[in-house]
């Protein structure tokens, strides 16, 4: 008979459900939590519950926030004429880390994927279209470089073009430090198409 402690097994199962966490890592995390002092363990559990109860979608861009509007939408220092459309809140964090983009965002919370039963209705497209007025000059499509990401970007650009909005797509190419011999044909082709003057 195998050794088993039911509450520990359930805790390991819950950690194993997290993205990128395998069974061994889940076991390590569960044992770490068990070894926390009771106050710290309660604080950890409270943080999860508080985040679950307090975080919701921004009324403007649909990114995650604990206020009515996120800090980006509420900032007078951001360029509200440029909207960067991303598929996931993690994409906002990635772009913000560059400290290069000064516009605002719109989070779709997915991409069009008929195979997964996700159509335009499941995305936050109505909220995006409601934001488009004469103050918006450009919408940047920053969905992933996948078939679904490209299809979603194309779909949105077709909705916006008749409104006279400039629609652009993030350039794709060779990563910094990457060798050309390891790049696939599509990436290399896009890098050539998206080249810029030096």
Foldseek 3Di string as FASTA:
>chain_A
DDDDDVVLVVQLVVQCPDPPDHSVNSNVVSVVLVPDPPVVNVVVVVVVVCCVPQWFAAPQQGAIDNDNHDPLVVDPQAQAQEEEEEAHNVVVVVVVVVVPHRHYYHYFVHFDDVVVPDHSVSTPVVSVVVSDDPSHAEYEQEYDPDPRSVVRLVVSCVVCVVVVHHYHYDQAEADVVGDPVPDDPVRHVSCVVPDDDD
